[in-house]
Amino acid sequence: MDATYFLKNRTALIRTFYATGAQGFVKLKAKIEAGEPPFDDPPYSEDPEPPYLSEWMDAETSLDILGMASLSMLSDSLKLYLNTLADRVIGFSFENRKAAFREGFVPAYFAALGEILATDWSDCPIDRGLIEQIVLVRNRGQHGEELSTFTVTLDAKMLEKHPQPFFVTEDEVSALTAEDGSLGSFLMPSIRITVTGLERAIDEVNALAEWIDSRLDRAHAWRIQQRSKGESAA
């Protein structure tokens, strides 16, 4: 089975899903900012806030929700790809699955594939930290924190593992690194899945699959070795 082919079909659809869904919200924000109809005749108000601020913020929140949904699909696609490698492409399993997955399925699969593909990953150009954050952020995004907002923040555990998080704004990254003790702040950075961040994440997942594909001959050698071990044990 060509797992990479099917993975790329899914990631291509995720790109289309986000781009198509975002168009309406991006246009709405642009119309408000430019004062175009139907936002060209705001009602009289003594409120110092800009007119149609609520509509603009709703569009921005909708983009955040769309981004999180897209990242969730990407995380699921990555998991399905790795499971397919194990079950149908390479053929391997975890002796103690609970222990292997204690730190998450991405580290578990990187450890297993490292042995199978005879690599310590130093020769792999993929940002493994970003790959892991795709899953961590997806998991975090599945659970809302406050009824009054759709905003989801990172937590201290994630920041300890990834002190320069990928899915946050540059301003919040700067605040995190501005002074010692930032991780102890009461204000954890908000998760933001921008089009640029999503595209980079998709590219990284695709590149990981391509890199693994280029080394599947090593998996064949590993299978032969495992078979020999089994015959010797018998």
Protein backbone atom coordinates (compact mmCIF):
# COMPACT_ATOMS: atom_id res chain seq x y z
CA MET A 1 0.00 0.00 0.00
CA ASP A 2 1.30 3.45 -0.92
CA ALA A 3 0.69 5.16 2.41
CA THR A 4 2.34 8.39 1.29
CA TYR A 5 -0.01 8.70 -1.69
CA PHE A 6 -3.09 8.47 0.49
CA LEU A 7 -1.60 10.78 3.12
CA LYS A 8 -0.96 13.43 0.49
CA ASN A 9 -4.52 13.08 -0.79
CA ARG A 10 -5.73 13.89 2.70
CA THR A 11 -3.34 16.82 3.23
CA ALA A 12 -4.32 18.28 -0.15
CA LEU A 13 -7.97 18.19 0.91
CA ILE A 14 -7.10 19.84 4.23
CA ARG A 15 -5.45 22.70 2.32
CA THR A 16 -8.57 23.12 0.18
CA PHE A 17 -10.86 22.84 3.19
CA TYR A 18 -9.08 25.64 5.00
CA ALA A 19 -8.61 27.91 1.98
CA THR A 20 -12.24 27.60 0.90
CA GLY A 21 -13.61 28.01 4.41
CA ALA A 22 -11.39 31.01 5.18
CA GLN A 23 -12.38 33.04 2.11
CA GLY A 24 -15.65 34.31 3.51
CA PHE A 25 -14.20 35.35 6.86
CA VAL A 26 -11.18 37.06 5.27
CA LYS A 27 -13.45 39.01 2.89
CA LEU A 28 -15.74 39.99 5.76
CA LYS A 29 -12.82 41.40 7.76
CA ALA A 30 -11.53 43.26 4.71
CA LYS A 31 -14.94 44.84 4.05
CA ILE A 32 -15.20 46.04 7.65
CA GLU A 33 -11.68 47.48 7.57
CA ALA A 34 -12.33 49.23 4.25
CA GLY A 35 -15.81 50.44 5.22
CA GLU A 36 -17.41 48.70 2.25
CA PRO A 37 -21.12 47.79 2.06
CA PRO A 38 -22.86 46.70 4.19
CA PHE A 39 -20.36 48.20 6.64
CA ASP A 40 -20.21 51.69 5.11
CA ASP A 41 -22.94 53.29 7.20
CA PRO A 42 -22.43 52.53 10.88
CA PRO A 43 -25.17 53.60 13.30
CA TYR A 44 -24.52 56.54 15.58
CA SER A 45 -22.68 55.55 18.73
CA GLU A 46 -20.67 57.28 21.43
CA ASP A 47 -18.77 54.06 22.05
CA PRO A 48 -15.03 54.70 21.42
CA GLU A 49 -14.62 51.25 19.86
CA PRO A 50 -14.49 51.06 16.05
CA PRO A 51 -17.82 50.28 14.35
CA TYR A 52 -18.54 46.62 13.61
CA LEU A 53 -15.78 45.51 15.96
CA SER A 54 -17.95 42.63 17.18
CA GLU A 55 -18.47 41.36 13.61
CA TRP A 56 -14.75 41.68 12.88
CA MET A 57 -13.83 39.74 16.04
CA ASP A 58 -16.37 37.02 15.25
CA ALA A 59 -14.77 36.58 11.82
CA GLU A 60 -11.32 36.38 13.43
CA THR A 61 -12.56 33.79 15.94
CA SER A 62 -14.12 31.79 13.11
CA LEU A 63 -10.74 31.68 11.38
CA ASP A 64 -9.18 30.38 14.60
CA ILE A 65 -11.83 27.65 14.86
CA LEU A 66 -11.33 26.70 11.20
CA GLY A 67 -7.58 26.51 11.74
CA MET A 68 -7.99 24.25 14.75
CA ALA A 69 -10.36 21.98 12.83
CA SER A 70 -7.85 21.75 9.99
CA LEU A 71 -4.98 20.97 12.36
CA SER A 72 -7.11 18.29 13.98
CA MET A 73 -7.62 16.64 10.58
CA LEU A 74 -3.88 16.87 9.94
CA SER A 75 -3.11 15.23 13.29
CA ASP A 76 -5.56 12.42 12.57
CA SER A 77 -4.07 11.96 9.09
CA LEU A 78 -0.58 11.70 10.56
CA LYS A 79 -1.77 9.10 13.07
CA LEU A 80 -3.50 7.07 10.35
CA TYR A 81 -0.34 7.23 8.22
CA LEU A 82 1.88 5.97 11.05
CA ASN A 83 -0.60 3.23 11.95
CA THR A 84 -0.69 2.17 8.30
CA LEU A 85 3.09 1.95 8.21
CA ALA A 86 2.97 -0.37 11.21
CA ASP A 87 0.04 -2.51 10.10
CA ARG A 88 0.27 -2.69 6.29
CA VAL A 89 3.54 -1.29 4.94
CA ILE A 90 6.38 -2.34 7.25
CA GLY A 91 4.65 -4.71 9.63
CA PHE A 92 5.66 -4.06 13.22
CA SER A 93 4.07 -3.72 16.62
CA PHE A 94 4.93 -2.48 20.10
CA GLU A 95 5.74 -5.13 22.72
CA ASN A 96 4.40 -2.94 25.51
CA ARG A 97 2.13 -0.42 23.83
CA LYS A 98 1.18 1.37 27.05
CA ALA A 99 4.82 1.96 27.98
CA ALA A 100 5.80 2.90 24.43
CA PHE A 101 3.00 5.46 24.14
CA ARG A 102 3.54 7.02 27.57
CA GLU A 103 4.95 10.19 25.97
CA GLY A 104 2.52 10.15 23.03
CA PHE A 105 2.19 8.32 19.73
CA VAL A 106 4.60 10.56 17.82
CA PRO A 107 7.62 9.88 20.08
CA ALA A 108 6.65 6.18 20.14
CA TYR A 109 6.65 5.91 16.36
CA PHE A 110 9.84 7.94 15.99
CA ALA A 111 11.58 5.55 18.39
CA ALA A 112 10.27 2.45 16.60
CA LEU A 113 10.99 3.77 13.10
CA GLY A 114 14.44 4.90 14.20
CA GLU A 115 15.35 1.28 14.89
CA ILE A 116 13.63 -0.07 11.78
CA LEU A 117 15.13 2.50 9.41
CA ALA A 118 18.53 2.38 11.13
CA THR A 119 18.63 6.09 11.91
CA ASP A 120 19.04 8.31 14.94
CA TRP A 121 17.14 10.96 12.93
CA SER A 122 20.17 13.27 12.77
CA ASP A 123 20.17 12.79 9.00
CA CYS A 124 16.50 13.74 8.74
CA PRO A 125 15.75 17.38 7.84
CA ILE A 126 12.26 17.21 9.35
CA ASP A 127 11.39 19.40 12.35
CA ARG A 128 10.36 16.61 14.71
CA GLY A 129 9.39 19.16 17.36
CA LEU A 130 6.83 20.65 14.99
CA ILE A 131 5.47 17.20 14.12
CA GLU A 132 4.94 16.51 17.80
CA GLN A 133 3.33 19.90 18.41
CA ILE A 134 0.74 19.18 15.71
CA VAL A 135 -0.60 16.40 17.90
CA LEU A 136 -0.16 18.15 21.24
CA VAL A 137 -1.95 21.29 20.06
CA ARG A 138 -4.71 19.22 18.47
CA ASN A 139 -5.25 17.40 21.77
CA ARG A 140 -5.25 20.68 23.67
CA GLY A 141 -7.71 22.21 21.22
CA GLN A 142 -10.30 19.49 21.80
CA HIS A 143 -11.11 20.84 25.25
CA GLY A 144 -12.47 24.33 25.75
CA GLU A 145 -11.43 26.26 28.82
CA GLU A 146 -14.00 29.01 29.32
CA LEU A 147 -17.65 29.30 28.26
CA SER A 148 -17.06 32.97 27.42
CA THR A 149 -14.42 32.34 24.74
CA PHE A 150 -13.29 29.93 22.05
CA THR A 151 -9.65 30.75 22.79
CA VAL A 152 -7.47 27.81 23.84
CA THR A 153 -4.08 28.30 25.46
CA LEU A 154 -0.98 26.18 25.81
CA ASP A 155 -0.16 24.81 29.24
CA ALA A 156 3.03 24.77 31.29
CA LYS A 157 3.80 21.13 30.48
CA MET A 158 3.73 21.79 26.75
CA LEU A 159 5.89 24.90 27.14
CA GLU A 160 8.44 23.01 29.18
CA LYS A 161 8.75 20.46 26.39
CA HIS A 162 8.59 23.03 23.57
CA PRO A 163 9.73 26.39 25.02
CA GLN A 164 9.45 28.06 21.61
CA PRO A 165 5.99 26.91 20.51
CA PHE A 166 5.11 27.02 16.83
CA PHE A 167 1.36 27.63 16.91
CA VAL A 168 1.33 30.99 18.69
CA THR A 169 1.78 34.56 17.48
CA GLU A 170 5.22 36.18 17.27
CA ASP A 171 4.20 38.69 19.94
CA GLU A 172 3.44 35.94 22.43
CA VAL A 173 6.66 34.09 21.63
CA SER A 174 8.53 37.33 22.30
CA ALA A 175 6.75 37.71 25.62
CA LEU A 176 7.69 34.16 26.58
CA THR A 177 11.37 34.74 25.89
CA ALA A 178 11.57 38.33 27.13
CA GLU A 179 12.45 37.53 30.73
CA ASP A 180 13.20 34.66 33.05
CA GLY A 181 10.26 33.01 34.71
CA SER A 182 7.85 33.52 31.83
CA LEU A 183 6.73 29.90 32.06
CA GLY A 184 5.33 30.67 35.47
CA SER A 185 3.13 33.42 34.11
CA PHE A 186 -0.59 33.27 34.70
CA LEU A 187 -1.09 34.25 31.05
CA MET A 188 -0.32 31.24 28.90
CA PRO A 189 0.00 31.96 25.16
CA SER A 190 -3.06 31.44 23.02
CA ILE A 191 -3.01 28.82 20.27
CA ARG A 192 -3.27 30.39 16.81
CA ILE A 193 -3.44 28.29 13.65
CA THR A 194 -2.72 30.75 10.84
CA VAL A 195 -2.70 29.86 7.16
CA THR A 196 1.09 30.16 7.18
CA GLY A 197 1.43 27.90 10.20
CA LEU A 198 -0.99 25.33 8.79
CA GLU A 199 0.79 25.26 5.42
CA ARG A 200 4.15 24.76 7.14
CA ALA A 201 2.74 21.94 9.26
CA ILE A 202 1.26 20.20 6.22
CA ASP A 203 4.53 20.56 4.30
CA GLU A 204 6.41 19.03 7.24
CA VAL A 205 4.08 16.03 7.47
CA ASN A 206 4.36 15.42 3.72
CA ALA A 207 8.14 15.75 3.87
CA LEU A 208 8.33 13.25 6.73
CA ALA A 209 6.43 10.69 4.66
CA GLU A 210 8.69 11.29 1.66
CA TRP A 211 11.79 10.87 3.82
CA ILE A 212 10.51 7.60 5.27
CA ASP A 213 9.61 6.39 1.77
CA SER A 214 13.17 6.96 0.61
CA ARG A 215 14.43 4.59 3.33
CA LEU A 216 11.92 1.76 3.17
CA ASP A 217 14.61 -0.52 1.76
CA ARG A 218 16.07 -0.48 5.27
CA ALA A 219 12.72 -1.70 6.58
CA HIS A 220 13.02 -4.69 4.23
CA ALA A 221 16.44 -5.47 5.69
CA TRP A 222 14.98 -5.11 9.21
CA ARG A 223 12.20 -7.60 8.41
CA ILE A 224 14.73 -10.15 7.17
CA GLN A 225 16.73 -9.66 10.36
CA GLN A 226 13.62 -10.11 12.53
CA ARG A 227 12.71 -13.26 10.63
CA SER A 228 16.19 -14.66 11.18
CA LYS A 229 15.97 -13.91 14.89
CA GLY A 230 12.63 -15.70 15.06
CA GLU A 231 13.99 -18.77 13.30
CA SER A 232 17.04 -18.84 15.57
CA ALA A 233 14.86 -18.61 18.66
CA ALA A 234 12.73 -21.50 17.41
